[in-house]
PDBML (XML) file of the C-alpha atoms, coordinates in Angstrom:
<?xml version="1.0" encoding="UTF-8" ?>
<PDBx:datablock datablockName="MODEL"
   xmlns:PDBx="http://pdbml.pdb.org/schema/pdbx-v50.xsd"
   xmlns:xsi="http://www.w3.org/2001/XMLSchema-instance"
   xsi:schemaLocation="http://pdbml.pdb.org/schema/pdbx-v50.xsd pdbx-v50.xsd">
   <PDBx:atom_siteCategory>
      <PDBx:atom_site id="1">
         <PDBx:B_iso_or_equiv>0.00</PDBx:B_iso_or_equiv>
         <PDBx:Cartn_x>-51.038</PDBx:Cartn_x>
         <PDBx:Cartn_y>27.679</PDBx:Cartn_y>
         <PDBx:Cartn_z>-54.161</PDBx:Cartn_z>
         <PDBx:auth_asym_id>A</PDBx:auth_asym_id>
         <PDBx:auth_atom_id>CA</PDBx:auth_atom_id>
         <PDBx:auth_comp_id>GLY</PDBx:auth_comp_id>
         <PDBx:auth_seq_id>1</PDBx:auth_seq_id>
         <PDBx:group_PDB>ATOM</PDBx:group_PDB>
         <PDBx:label_alt_id xsi:nil="true" />
         <PDBx:label_asym_id>A</PDBx:label_asym_id>
         <PDBx:label_atom_id>CA</PDBx:label_atom_id>
         <PDBx:label_comp_id>GLY</PDBx:label_comp_id>
         <PDBx:label_entity_id>1</PDBx:label_entity_id>
         <PDBx:label_seq_id>1</PDBx:label_seq_id>
         <PDBx:occupancy>1.00</PDBx:occupancy>
         <PDBx:pdbx_PDB_model_num>1</PDBx:pdbx_PDB_model_num>
         <PDBx:type_symbol>C</PDBx:type_symbol>
      </PDBx:atom_site>
      <PDBx:atom_site id="2">
         <PDBx:B_iso_or_equiv>0.00</PDBx:B_iso_or_equiv>
         <PDBx:Cartn_x>-47.920</PDBx:Cartn_x>
         <PDBx:Cartn_y>25.986</PDBx:Cartn_y>
         <PDBx:Cartn_z>-55.466</PDBx:Cartn_z>
         <PDBx:auth_asym_id>A</PDBx:auth_asym_id>
         <PDBx:auth_atom_id>CA</PDBx:auth_atom_id>
         <PDBx:auth_comp_id>GLU</PDBx:auth_comp_id>
         <PDBx:auth_seq_id>2</PDBx:auth_seq_id>
         <PDBx:group_PDB>ATOM</PDBx:group_PDB>
         <PDBx:label_alt_id xsi:nil="true" />
         <PDBx:label_asym_id>A</PDBx:label_asym_id>
         <PDBx:label_atom_id>CA</PDBx:label_atom_id>
         <PDBx:label_comp_id>GLU</PDBx:label_comp_id>
         <PDBx:label_entity_id>1</PDBx:label_entity_id>
         <PDBx:label_seq_id>2</PDBx:label_seq_id>
         <PDBx:occupancy>1.00</PDBx:occupancy>
         <PDBx:pdbx_PDB_model_num>1</PDBx:pdbx_PDB_model_num>
         <PDBx:type_symbol>C</PDBx:type_symbol>
      </PDBx:atom_site>
      <PDBx:atom_site id="3">
         <PDBx:B_iso_or_equiv>0.00</PDBx:B_iso_or_equiv>
         <PDBx:Cartn_x>-48.076</PDBx:Cartn_x>
         <PDBx:Cartn_y>24.017</PDBx:Cartn_y>
         <PDBx:Cartn_z>-58.693</PDBx:Cartn_z>
         <PDBx:auth_asym_id>A</PDBx:auth_asym_id>
         <PDBx:auth_atom_id>CA</PDBx:auth_atom_id>
         <PDBx:auth_comp_id>TYR</PDBx:auth_comp_id>
         <PDBx:auth_seq_id>3</PDBx:auth_seq_id>
         <PDBx:group_PDB>ATOM</PDBx:group_PDB>
         <PDBx:label_alt_id xsi:nil="true" />
         <PDBx:label_asym_id>A</PDBx:label_asym_id>
         <PDBx:label_atom_id>CA</PDBx:label_atom_id>
         <PDBx:label_comp_id>TYR</PDBx:label_comp_id>
         <PDBx:label_entity_id>1</PDBx:label_entity_id>
         <PDBx:label_seq_id>3</PDBx:label_seq_id>
         <PDBx:occupancy>1.00</PDBx:occupancy>
         <PDBx:pdbx_PDB_model_num>1</PDBx:pdbx_PDB_model_num>
         <PDBx:type_symbol>C</PDBx:type_symbol>
      </PDBx:atom_site>
      <PDBx:atom_site id="4">
         <PDBx:B_iso_or_equiv>0.00</PDBx:B_iso_or_equiv>
         <PDBx:Cartn_x>-45.960</PDBx:Cartn_x>
         <PDBx:Cartn_y>22.425</PDBx:Cartn_y>
         <PDBx:Cartn_z>-61.383</PDBx:Cartn_z>
         <PDBx:auth_asym_id>A</PDBx:auth_asym_id>
         <PDBx:auth_atom_id>CA</PDBx:auth_atom_id>
         <PDBx:auth_comp_id>LEU</PDBx:auth_comp_id>
         <PDBx:auth_seq_id>4</PDBx:auth_seq_id>
         <PDBx:group_PDB>ATOM</PDBx:group_PDB>
         <PDBx:label_alt_id xsi:nil="true" />
         <PDBx:label_asym_id>A</PDBx:label_asym_id>
         <PDBx:label_atom_id>CA</PDBx:label_atom_id>
         <PDBx:label_comp_id>LEU</PDBx:label_comp_id>
         <PDBx:label_entity_id>1</PDBx:label_entity_id>
         <PDBx:label_seq_id>4</PDBx:label_seq_id>
         <PDBx:occupancy>1.00</PDBx:occupancy>
         <PDBx:pdbx_PDB_model_num>1</PDBx:pdbx_PDB_model_num>
         <PDBx:type_symbol>C</PDBx:type_symbol>
      </PDBx:atom_site>
      <PDBx:atom_site id="5">
         <PDBx:B_iso_or_equiv>0.00</PDBx:B_iso_or_equiv>
         <PDBx:Cartn_x>-46.928</PDBx:Cartn_x>
         <PDBx:Cartn_y>22.131</PDBx:Cartn_y>
         <PDBx:Cartn_z>-65.052</PDBx:Cartn_z>
         <PDBx:auth_asym_id>A</PDBx:auth_asym_id>
         <PDBx:auth_atom_id>CA</PDBx:auth_atom_id>
         <PDBx:auth_comp_id>GLU</PDBx:auth_comp_id>
         <PDBx:auth_seq_id>5</PDBx:auth_seq_id>
         <PDBx:group_PDB>ATOM</PDBx:group_PDB>
         <PDBx:label_alt_id xsi:nil="true" />
         <PDBx:label_asym_id>A</PDBx:label_asym_id>
         <PDBx:label_atom_id>CA</PDBx:label_atom_id>
         <PDBx:label_comp_id>GLU</PDBx:label_comp_id>
         <PDBx:label_entity_id>1</PDBx:label_entity_id>
         <PDBx:label_seq_id>5</PDBx:label_seq_id>
         <PDBx:occupancy>1.00</PDBx:occupancy>
         <PDBx:pdbx_PDB_model_num>1</PDBx:pdbx_PDB_model_num>
         <PDBx:type_symbol>C</PDBx:type_symbol>
      </PDBx:atom_site>
      <PDBx:atom_site id="6">
         <PDBx:B_iso_or_equiv>0.00</PDBx:B_iso_or_equiv>
         <PDBx:Cartn_x>-45.893</PDBx:Cartn_x>
         <PDBx:Cartn_y>19.427</PDBx:Cartn_y>
         <PDBx:Cartn_z>-67.523</PDBx:Cartn_z>
         <PDBx:auth_asym_id>A</PDBx:auth_asym_id>
         <PDBx:auth_atom_id>CA</PDBx:auth_atom_id>
         <PDBx:auth_comp_id>LEU</PDBx:auth_comp_id>
         <PDBx:auth_seq_id>6</PDBx:auth_seq_id>
         <PDBx:group_PDB>ATOM</PDBx:group_PDB>
         <PDBx:label_alt_id xsi:nil="true" />
         <PDBx:label_asym_id>A</PDBx:label_asym_id>
         <PDBx:label_atom_id>CA</PDBx:label_atom_id>
         <PDBx:label_comp_id>LEU</PDBx:label_comp_id>
         <PDBx:label_entity_id>1</PDBx:label_entity_id>
         <PDBx:label_seq_id>6</PDBx:label_seq_id>
         <PDBx:occupancy>1.00</PDBx:occupancy>
         <PDBx:pdbx_PDB_model_num>1</PDBx:pdbx_PDB_model_num>
         <PDBx:type_symbol>C</PDBx:type_symbol>
      </PDBx:atom_site>
      <PDBx:atom_site id="7">
         <PDBx:B_iso_or_equiv>0.00</PDBx:B_iso_or_equiv>
         <PDBx:Cartn_x>-46.298</PDBx:Cartn_x>
         <PDBx:Cartn_y>19.873</PDBx:Cartn_y>
         <PDBx:Cartn_z>-71.288</PDBx:Cartn_z>
         <PDBx:auth_asym_id>A</PDBx:auth_asym_id>
         <PDBx:auth_atom_id>CA</PDBx:auth_atom_id>
         <PDBx:auth_comp_id>TYR</PDBx:auth_comp_id>
         <PDBx:auth_seq_id>7</PDBx:auth_seq_id>
         <PDBx:group_PDB>ATOM</PDBx:group_PDB>
         <PDBx:label_alt_id xsi:nil="true" />
         <PDBx:label_asym_id>A</PDBx:label_asym_id>
         <PDBx:label_atom_id>CA</PDBx:label_atom_id>
         <PDBx:label_comp_id>TYR</PDBx:label_comp_id>
         <PDBx:label_entity_id>1</PDBx:label_entity_id>
         <PDBx:label_seq_id>7</PDBx:label_seq_id>
         <PDBx:occupancy>1.00</PDBx:occupancy>
         <PDBx:pdbx_PDB_model_num>1</PDBx:pdbx_PDB_model_num>
         <PDBx:type_symbol>C</PDBx:type_symbol>
      </PDBx:atom_site>
      <PDBx:atom_site id="8">
         <PDBx:B_iso_or_equiv>0.00</PDBx:B_iso_or_equiv>
         <PDBx:Cartn_x>-46.509</PDBx:Cartn_x>
         <PDBx:Cartn_y>17.193</PDBx:Cartn_y>
         <PDBx:Cartn_z>-73.982</PDBx:Cartn_z>
         <PDBx:auth_asym_id>A</PDBx:auth_asym_id>
         <PDBx:auth_atom_id>CA</PDBx:auth_atom_id>
         <PDBx:auth_comp_id>ASN</PDBx:auth_comp_id>
         <PDBx:auth_seq_id>8</PDBx:auth_seq_id>
         <PDBx:group_PDB>ATOM</PDBx:group_PDB>
         <PDBx:label_alt_id xsi:nil="true" />
         <PDBx:label_asym_id>A</PDBx:label_asym_id>
         <PDBx:label_atom_id>CA</PDBx:label_atom_id>
         <PDBx:label_comp_id>ASN</PDBx:label_comp_id>
         <PDBx:label_entity_id>1</PDBx:label_entity_id>
         <PDBx:label_seq_id>8</PDBx:label_seq_id>
         <PDBx:occupancy>1.00</PDBx:occupancy>
         <PDBx:pdbx_PDB_model_num>1</PDBx:pdbx_PDB_model_num>
         <PDBx:type_symbol>C</PDBx:type_symbol>
      </PDBx:atom_site>
      <PDBx:atom_site id="9">
         <PDBx:B_iso_or_equiv>0.00</PDBx:B_iso_or_equiv>
         <PDBx:Cartn_x>-44.822</PDBx:Cartn_x>
         <PDBx:Cartn_y>18.545</PDBx:Cartn_y>
         <PDBx:Cartn_z>-77.113</PDBx:Cartn_z>
         <PDBx:auth_asym_id>A</PDBx:auth_asym_id>
         <PDBx:auth_atom_id>CA</PDBx:auth_atom_id>
         <PDBx:auth_comp_id>SER</PDBx:auth_comp_id>
         <PDBx:auth_seq_id>9</PDBx:auth_seq_id>
         <PDBx:group_PDB>ATOM</PDBx:group_PDB>
         <PDBx:label_alt_id xsi:nil="true" />
         <PDBx:label_asym_id>A</PDBx:label_asym_id>
         <PDBx:label_atom_id>CA</PDBx:label_atom_id>
         <PDBx:label_comp_id>SER</PDBx:label_comp_id>
         <PDBx:label_entity_id>1</PDBx:label_entity_id>
         <PDBx:label_seq_id>9</PDBx:label_seq_id>
         <PDBx:occupancy>1.00</PDBx:occupancy>
         <PDBx:pdbx_PDB_model_num>1</PDBx:pdbx_PDB_model_num>
         <PDBx:type_symbol>C</PDBx:type_symbol>
      </PDBx:atom_site>
      <PDBx:atom_site id="10">
         <PDBx:B_iso_or_equiv>0.00</PDBx:B_iso_or_equiv>
         <PDBx:Cartn_x>-45.244</PDBx:Cartn_x>
         <PDBx:Cartn_y>15.268</PDBx:Cartn_y>
         <PDBx:Cartn_z>-79.000</PDBx:Cartn_z>
         <PDBx:auth_asym_id>A</PDBx:auth_asym_id>
         <PDBx:auth_atom_id>CA</PDBx:auth_atom_id>
         <PDBx:auth_comp_id>GLY</PDBx:auth_comp_id>
         <PDBx:auth_seq_id>10</PDBx:auth_seq_id>
         <PDBx:group_PDB>ATOM</PDBx:group_PDB>
         <PDBx:label_alt_id xsi:nil="true" />
         <PDBx:label_asym_id>A</PDBx:label_asym_id>
         <PDBx:label_atom_id>CA</PDBx:label_atom_id>
         <PDBx:label_comp_id>GLY</PDBx:label_comp_id>
         <PDBx:label_entity_id>1</PDBx:label_entity_id>
         <PDBx:label_seq_id>10</PDBx:label_seq_id>
         <PDBx:occupancy>1.00</PDBx:occupancy>
         <PDBx:pdbx_PDB_model_num>1</PDBx:pdbx_PDB_model_num>
         <PDBx:type_symbol>C</PDBx:type_symbol>
      </PDBx:atom_site>
      <PDBx:atom_site id="11">
         <PDBx:B_iso_or_equiv>0.00</PDBx:B_iso_or_equiv>
         <PDBx:Cartn_x>-47.978</PDBx:Cartn_x>
         <PDBx:Cartn_y>13.919</PDBx:Cartn_y>
         <PDBx:Cartn_z>-81.266</PDBx:Cartn_z>
         <PDBx:auth_asym_id>A</PDBx:auth_asym_id>
         <PDBx:auth_atom_id>CA</PDBx:auth_atom_id>
         <PDBx:auth_comp_id>SER</PDBx:auth_comp_id>
         <PDBx:auth_seq_id>11</PDBx:auth_seq_id>
         <PDBx:group_PDB>ATOM</PDBx:group_PDB>
         <PDBx:label_alt_id xsi:nil="true" />
         <PDBx:label_asym_id>A</PDBx:label_asym_id>
         <PDBx:label_atom_id>CA</PDBx:label_atom_id>
         <PDBx:label_comp_id>SER</PDBx:label_comp_id>
         <PDBx:label_entity_id>1</PDBx:label_entity_id>
         <PDBx:label_seq_id>11</PDBx:label_seq_id>
         <PDBx:occupancy>1.00</PDBx:occupancy>
         <PDBx:pdbx_PDB_model_num>1</PDBx:pdbx_PDB_model_num>
         <PDBx:type_symbol>C</PDBx:type_symbol>
      </PDBx:atom_site>
      <PDBx:atom_site id="12">
         <PDBx:B_iso_or_equiv>0.00</PDBx:B_iso_or_equiv>
         <PDBx:Cartn_x>-49.108</PDBx:Cartn_x>
         <PDBx:Cartn_y>11.023</PDBx:Cartn_y>
         <PDBx:Cartn_z>-79.060</PDBx:Cartn_z>
         <PDBx:auth_asym_id>A</PDBx:auth_asym_id>
         <PDBx:auth_atom_id>CA</PDBx:auth_atom_id>
         <PDBx:auth_comp_id>ASN</PDBx:auth_comp_id>
         <PDBx:auth_seq_id>12</PDBx:auth_seq_id>
         <PDBx:group_PDB>ATOM</PDBx:group_PDB>
         <PDBx:label_alt_id xsi:nil="true" />
         <PDBx:label_asym_id>A</PDBx:label_asym_id>
         <PDBx:label_atom_id>CA</PDBx:label_atom_id>
         <PDBx:label_comp_id>ASN</PDBx:label_comp_id>
         <PDBx:label_entity_id>1</PDBx:label_entity_id>
         <PDBx:label_seq_id>12</PDBx:label_seq_id>
         <PDBx:occupancy>1.00</PDBx:occupancy>
         <PDBx:pdbx_PDB_model_num>1</PDBx:pdbx_PDB_model_num>
         <PDBx:type_symbol>C</PDBx:type_symbol>
      </PDBx:atom_site>
      <PDBx:atom_site id="13">
         <PDBx:B_iso_or_equiv>0.00</PDBx:B_iso_or_equiv>
         <PDBx:Cartn_x>-50.953</PDBx:Cartn_x>
         <PDBx:Cartn_y>10.807</PDBx:Cartn_y>
         <PDBx:Cartn_z>-75.757</PDBx:Cartn_z>
         <PDBx:auth_asym_id>A</PDBx:auth_asym_id>
         <PDBx:auth_atom_id>CA</PDBx:auth_atom_id>
         <PDBx:auth_comp_id>THR</PDBx:auth_comp_id>
         <PDBx:auth_seq_id>13</PDBx:auth_seq_id>
         <PDBx:group_PDB>ATOM</PDBx:group_PDB>
         <PDBx:label_alt_id xsi:nil="true" />
         <PDBx:label_asym_id>A</PDBx:label_asym_id>
         <PDBx:label_atom_id>CA</PDBx:label_atom_id>
         <PDBx:label_comp_id>THR</PDBx:label_comp_id>
         <PDBx:label_entity_id>1</PDBx:label_entity_id>
         <PDBx:label_seq_id>13</PDBx:label_seq_id>
         <PDBx:occupancy>1.00</PDBx:occupancy>
         <PDBx:pdbx_PDB_model_num>1</PDBx:pdbx_PDB_model_num>
         <PDBx:type_symbol>C</PDBx:type_symbol>
      </PDBx:atom_site>
      <PDBx:atom_site id="14">
         <PDBx:B_iso_or_equiv>0.00</PDBx:B_iso_or_equiv>
         <PDBx:Cartn_x>-48.662</PDBx:Cartn_x>
         <PDBx:Cartn_y>9.789</PDBx:Cartn_y>
         <PDBx:Cartn_z>-72.887</PDBx:Cartn_z>
         <PDBx:auth_asym_id>A</PDBx:auth_asym_id>
         <PDBx:auth_atom_id>CA</PDBx:auth_atom_id>
         <PDBx:auth_comp_id>VAL</PDBx:auth_comp_id>
         <PDBx:auth_seq_id>14</PDBx:auth_seq_id>
         <PDBx:group_PDB>ATOM</PDBx:group_PDB>
         <PDBx:label_alt_id xsi:nil="true" />
         <PDBx:label_asym_id>A</PDBx:label_asym_id>
         <PDBx:label_atom_id>CA</PDBx:label_atom_id>
         <PDBx:label_comp_id>VAL</PDBx:label_comp_id>
         <PDBx:label_entity_id>1</PDBx:label_entity_id>
         <PDBx:label_seq_id>14</PDBx:label_seq_id>
         <PDBx:occupancy>1.00</PDBx:occupancy>
         <PDBx:pdbx_PDB_model_num>1</PDBx:pdbx_PDB_model_num>
         <PDBx:type_symbol>C</PDBx:type_symbol>
      </PDBx:atom_site>
      <PDBx:atom_site id="15">
         <PDBx:B_iso_or_equiv>0.00</PDBx:B_iso_or_equiv>
         <PDBx:Cartn_x>-49.834</PDBx:Cartn_x>
         <PDBx:Cartn_y>7.661</PDBx:Cartn_y>
         <PDBx:Cartn_z>-69.963</PDBx:Cartn_z>
         <PDBx:auth_asym_id>A</PDBx:auth_asym_id>
         <PDBx:auth_atom_id>CA</PDBx:auth_atom_id>
         <PDBx:auth_comp_id>ASP</PDBx:auth_comp_id>
         <PDBx:auth_seq_id>15</PDBx:auth_seq_id>
         <PDBx:group_PDB>ATOM</PDBx:group_PDB>
         <PDBx:label_alt_id xsi:nil="true" />
         <PDBx:label_asym_id>A</PDBx:label_asym_id>
         <PDBx:label_atom_id>CA</PDBx:label_atom_id>
         <PDBx:label_comp_id>ASP</PDBx:label_comp_id>
         <PDBx:label_entity_id>1</PDBx:label_entity_id>
         <PDBx:label_seq_id>15</PDBx:label_seq_id>
         <PDBx:occupancy>1.00</PDBx:occupancy>
         <PDBx:pdbx_PDB_model_num>1</PDBx:pdbx_PDB_model_num>
         <PDBx:type_symbol>C</PDBx:type_symbol>
      </PDBx:atom_site>
      <PDBx:atom_site id="16">
         <PDBx:B_iso_or_equiv>0.00</PDBx:B_iso_or_equiv>
         <PDBx:Cartn_x>-48.267</PDBx:Cartn_x>
         <PDBx:Cartn_y>9.127</PDBx:Cartn_y>
         <PDBx:Cartn_z>-66.804</PDBx:Cartn_z>
         <PDBx:auth_asym_id>A</PDBx:auth_asym_id>
         <PDBx:auth_atom_id>CA</PDBx:auth_atom_id>
         <PDBx:auth_comp_id>LEU</PDBx:auth_comp_id>
         <PDBx:auth_seq_id>16</PDBx:auth_seq_id>
         <PDBx:group_PDB>ATOM</PDBx:group_PDB>
         <PDBx:label_alt_id xsi:nil="true" />
         <PDBx:label_asym_id>A</PDBx:label_asym_id>
         <PDBx:label_atom_id>CA</PDBx:label_atom_id>
         <PDBx:label_comp_id>LEU</PDBx:label_comp_id>
         <PDBx:label_entity_id>1</PDBx:label_entity_id>
         <PDBx:label_seq_id>16</PDBx:label_seq_id>
         <PDBx:occupancy>1.00</PDBx:occupancy>
         <PDBx:pdbx_PDB_model_num>1</PDBx:pdbx_PDB_model_num>
         <PDBx:type_symbol>C</PDBx:type_symbol>
      </PDBx:atom_site>
      <PDBx:atom_site id="17">
         <PDBx:B_iso_or_equiv>0.00</PDBx:B_iso_or_equiv>
         <PDBx:Cartn_x>-49.773</PDBx:Cartn_x>
         <PDBx:Cartn_y>6.573</PDBx:Cartn_y>
         <PDBx:Cartn_z>-64.420</PDBx:Cartn_z>
         <PDBx:auth_asym_id>A</PDBx:auth_asym_id>
         <PDBx:auth_atom_id>CA</PDBx:auth_atom_id>
         <PDBx:auth_comp_id>SER</PDBx:auth_comp_id>
         <PDBx:auth_seq_id>17</PDBx:auth_seq_id>
         <PDBx:group_PDB>ATOM</PDBx:group_PDB>
         <PDBx:label_alt_id xsi:nil="true" />
         <PDBx:label_asym_id>A</PDBx:label_asym_id>
         <PDBx:label_atom_id>CA</PDBx:label_atom_id>
         <PDBx:label_comp_id>SER</PDBx:label_comp_id>
         <PDBx:label_entity_id>1</PDBx:label_entity_id>
         <PDBx:label_seq_id>17</PDBx:label_seq_id>
         <PDBx:occupancy>1.00</PDBx:occupancy>
         <PDBx:pdbx_PDB_model_num>1</PDBx:pdbx_PDB_model_num>
         <PDBx:type_symbol>C</PDBx:type_symbol>
      </PDBx:atom_site>
      <PDBx:atom_site id="18">
         <PDBx:B_iso_or_equiv>0.00</PDBx:B_iso_or_equiv>
         <PDBx:Cartn_x>-47.422</PDBx:Cartn_x>
         <PDBx:Cartn_y>5.980</PDBx:Cartn_y>
         <PDBx:Cartn_z>-61.486</PDBx:Cartn_z>
         <PDBx:auth_asym_id>A</PDBx:auth_asym_id>
         <PDBx:auth_atom_id>CA</PDBx:auth_atom_id>
         <PDBx:auth_comp_id>TRP</PDBx:auth_comp_id>
         <PDBx:auth_seq_id>18</PDBx:auth_seq_id>
         <PDBx:group_PDB>ATOM</PDBx:group_PDB>
         <PDBx:label_alt_id xsi:nil="true" />
         <PDBx:label_asym_id>A</PDBx:label_asym_id>
         <PDBx:label_atom_id>CA</PDBx:label_atom_id>
         <PDBx:label_comp_id>TRP</PDBx:label_comp_id>
         <PDBx:label_entity_id>1</PDBx:label_entity_id>
         <PDBx:label_seq_id>18</PDBx:label_seq_id>
         <PDBx:occupancy>1.00</PDBx:occupancy>
         <PDBx:pdbx_PDB_model_num>1</PDBx:pdbx_PDB_model_num>
         <PDBx:type_symbol>C</PDBx:type_symbol>
      </PDBx:atom_site>
      <PDBx:atom_site id="19">
         <PDBx:B_iso_or_equiv>0.00</PDBx:B_iso_or_equiv>
         <PDBx:Cartn_x>-44.717</PDBx:Cartn_x>
         <PDBx:Cartn_y>8.246</PDBx:Cartn_y>
         <PDBx:Cartn_z>-62.873</PDBx:Cartn_z>
         <PDBx:auth_asym_id>A</PDBx:auth_asym_id>
         <PDBx:auth_atom_id>CA</PDBx:auth_atom_id>
         <PDBx:auth_comp_id>TRP</PDBx:auth_comp_id>
         <PDBx:auth_seq_id>19</PDBx:auth_seq_id>
         <PDBx:group_PDB>ATOM</PDBx:group_PDB>
         <PDBx:label_alt_id xsi:nil="true" />
         <PDBx:label_asym_id>A</PDBx:label_asym_id>
         <PDBx:label_atom_id>CA</PDBx:label_atom_id>
         <PDBx:label_comp_id>TRP</PDBx:label_comp_id>
         <PDBx:label_entity_id>1</PDBx:label_entity_id>
         <PDBx:label_seq_id>19</PDBx:label_seq_id>
         <PDBx:occupancy>1.00</PDBx:occupancy>
         <PDBx:pdbx_PDB_model_num>1</PDBx:pdbx_PDB_model_num>
         <PDBx:type_symbol>C</PDBx:type_symbol>
      </PDBx:atom_site>
      <PDBx:atom_site id="20">
         <PDBx:B_iso_or_equiv>0.00</PDBx:B_iso_or_equiv>
         <PDBx:Cartn_x>-42.385</PDBx:Cartn_x>
         <PDBx:Cartn_y>9.502</PDBx:Cartn_y>
         <PDBx:Cartn_z>-60.143</PDBx:Cartn_z>
         <PDBx:auth_asym_id>A</PDBx:auth_asym_id>
         <PDBx:auth_atom_id>CA</PDBx:auth_atom_id>
         <PDBx:auth_comp_id>LEU</PDBx:auth_comp_id>
         <PDBx:auth_seq_id>20</PDBx:auth_seq_id>
         <PDBx:group_PDB>ATOM</PDBx:group_PDB>
         <PDBx:label_alt_id xsi:nil="true" />
         <PDBx:label_asym_id>A</PDBx:label_asym_id>
         <PDBx:label_atom_id>CA</PDBx:label_atom_id>
         <PDBx:label_comp_id>LEU</PDBx:label_comp_id>
         <PDBx:label_entity_id>1</PDBx:label_entity_id>
         <PDBx:label_seq_id>20</PDBx:label_seq_id>
         <PDBx:occupancy>1.00</PDBx:occupancy>
         <PDBx:pdbx_PDB_model_num>1</PDBx:pdbx_PDB_model_num>
         <PDBx:type_symbol>C</PDBx:type_symbol>
      </PDBx:atom_site>
      <PDBx:atom_site id="21">
         <PDBx:B_iso_or_equiv>0.00</PDBx:B_iso_or_equiv>
         <PDBx:Cartn_x>-41.964</PDBx:Cartn_x>
         <PDBx:Cartn_y>13.188</PDBx:Cartn_y>
         <PDBx:Cartn_z>-59.341</PDBx:Cartn_z>
         <PDBx:auth_asym_id>A</PDBx:auth_asym_id>
         <PDBx:auth_atom_id>CA</PDBx:auth_atom_id>
         <PDBx:auth_comp_id>LEU</PDBx:auth_comp_id>
         <PDBx:auth_seq_id>21</PDBx:auth_seq_id>
         <PDBx:group_PDB>ATOM</PDBx:group_PDB>
         <PDBx:label_alt_id xsi:nil="true" />
         <PDBx:label_asym_id>A</PDBx:label_asym_id>
         <PDBx:label_atom_id>CA</PDBx:label_atom_id>
         <PDBx:label_comp_id>LEU</PDBx:label_comp_id>
         <PDBx:label_entity_id>1</PDBx:label_entity_id>
         <PDBx:label_seq_id>21</PDBx:label_seq_id>
         <PDBx:occupancy>1.00</PDBx:occupancy>
         <PDBx:pdbx_PDB_model_num>1</PDBx:pdbx_PDB_model_num>
         <PDBx:type_symbol>C</PDBx:type_symbol>
      </PDBx:atom_site>
      <PDBx:atom_site id="22">
         <PDBx:B_iso_or_equiv>0.00</PDBx:B_iso_or_equiv>
         <PDBx:Cartn_x>-39.004</PDBx:Cartn_x>
         <PDBx:Cartn_y>14.134</PDBx:Cartn_y>
         <PDBx:Cartn_z>-57.161</PDBx:Cartn_z>
         <PDBx:auth_asym_id>A</PDBx:auth_asym_id>
         <PDBx:auth_atom_id>CA</PDBx:auth_atom_id>
         <PDBx:auth_comp_id>LYS</PDBx:auth_comp_id>
         <PDBx:auth_seq_id>22</PDBx:auth_seq_id>
         <PDBx:group_PDB>ATOM</PDBx:group_PDB>
         <PDBx:label_alt_id xsi:nil="true" />
         <PDBx:label_asym_id>A</PDBx:label_asym_id>
         <PDBx:label_atom_id>CA</PDBx:label_atom_id>
         <PDBx:label_comp_id>LYS</PDBx:label_comp_id>
         <PDBx:label_entity_id>1</PDBx:label_entity_id>
         <PDBx:label_seq_id>22</PDBx:label_seq_id>
         <PDBx:occupancy>1.00</PDBx:occupancy>
         <PDBx:pdbx_PDB_model_num>1</PDBx:pdbx_PDB_model_num>
         <PDBx:type_symbol>C</PDBx:type_symbol>
      </PDBx:atom_site>
      <PDBx:atom_site id="23">
         <PDBx:B_iso_or_equiv>0.00</PDBx:B_iso_or_equiv>
         <PDBx:Cartn_x>-38.527</PDBx:Cartn_x>
         <PDBx:Cartn_y>17.607</PDBx:Cartn_y>
         <PDBx:Cartn_z>-55.682</PDBx:Cartn_z>
         <PDBx:auth_asym_id>A</PDBx:auth_asym_id>
         <PDBx:auth_atom_id>CA</PDBx:auth_atom_id>
         <PDBx:auth_comp_id>VAL</PDBx:auth_comp_id>
         <PDBx:auth_seq_id>23</PDBx:auth_seq_id>
         <PDBx:group_PDB>ATOM</PDBx:group_PDB>
         <PDBx:label_alt_id xsi:nil="true" />
         <PDBx:label_asym_id>A</PDBx:label_asym_id>
         <PDBx:label_atom_id>CA</PDBx:label_atom_id>
         <PDBx:label_comp_id>VAL</PDBx:label_comp_id>
         <PDBx:label_entity_id>1</PDBx:label_entity_id>
         <PDBx:label_seq_id>23</PDBx:label_seq_id>
         <PDBx:occupancy>1.00</PDBx:occupancy>
         <PDBx:pdbx_PDB_model_num>1</PDBx:pdbx_PDB_model_num>
         <PDBx:type_symbol>C</PDBx:type_symbol>
      </PDBx:atom_site>
      <PDBx:atom_site id="24">
         <PDBx:B_iso_or_equiv>0.00</PDBx:B_iso_or_equiv>
         <PDBx:Cartn_x>-35.285</PDBx:Cartn_x>
         <PDBx:Cartn_y>17.720</PDBx:Cartn_y>
         <PDBx:Cartn_z>-53.744</PDBx:Cartn_z>
         <PDBx:auth_asym_id>A</PDBx:auth_asym_id>
         <PDBx:auth_atom_id>CA</PDBx:auth_atom_id>
         <PDBx:auth_comp_id>GLY</PDBx:auth_comp_id>
         <PDBx:auth_seq_id>24</PDBx:auth_seq_id>
         <PDBx:group_PDB>ATOM</PDBx:group_PDB>
         <PDBx:label_alt_id xsi:nil="true" />
         <PDBx:label_asym_id>A</PDBx:label_asym_id>
         <PDBx:label_atom_id>CA</PDBx:label_atom_id>
         <PDBx:label_comp_id>GLY</PDBx:label_comp_id>
         <PDBx:label_entity_id>1</PDBx:label_entity_id>
         <PDBx:label_seq_id>24</PDBx:label_seq_id>
         <PDBx:occupancy>1.00</PDBx:occupancy>
         <PDBx:pdbx_PDB_model_num>1</PDBx:pdbx_PDB_model_num>
         <PDBx:type_symbol>C</PDBx:type_symbol>
      </PDBx:atom_site>
   </PDBx:atom_siteCategory>
</PDBx:datablock>
């Protein structure tokens, strides 16, 4: 199936709750 990967290159945990993903 299709998928998208995000990577956290920083030193702190990031809360992605309710972040918006737009594809086209």
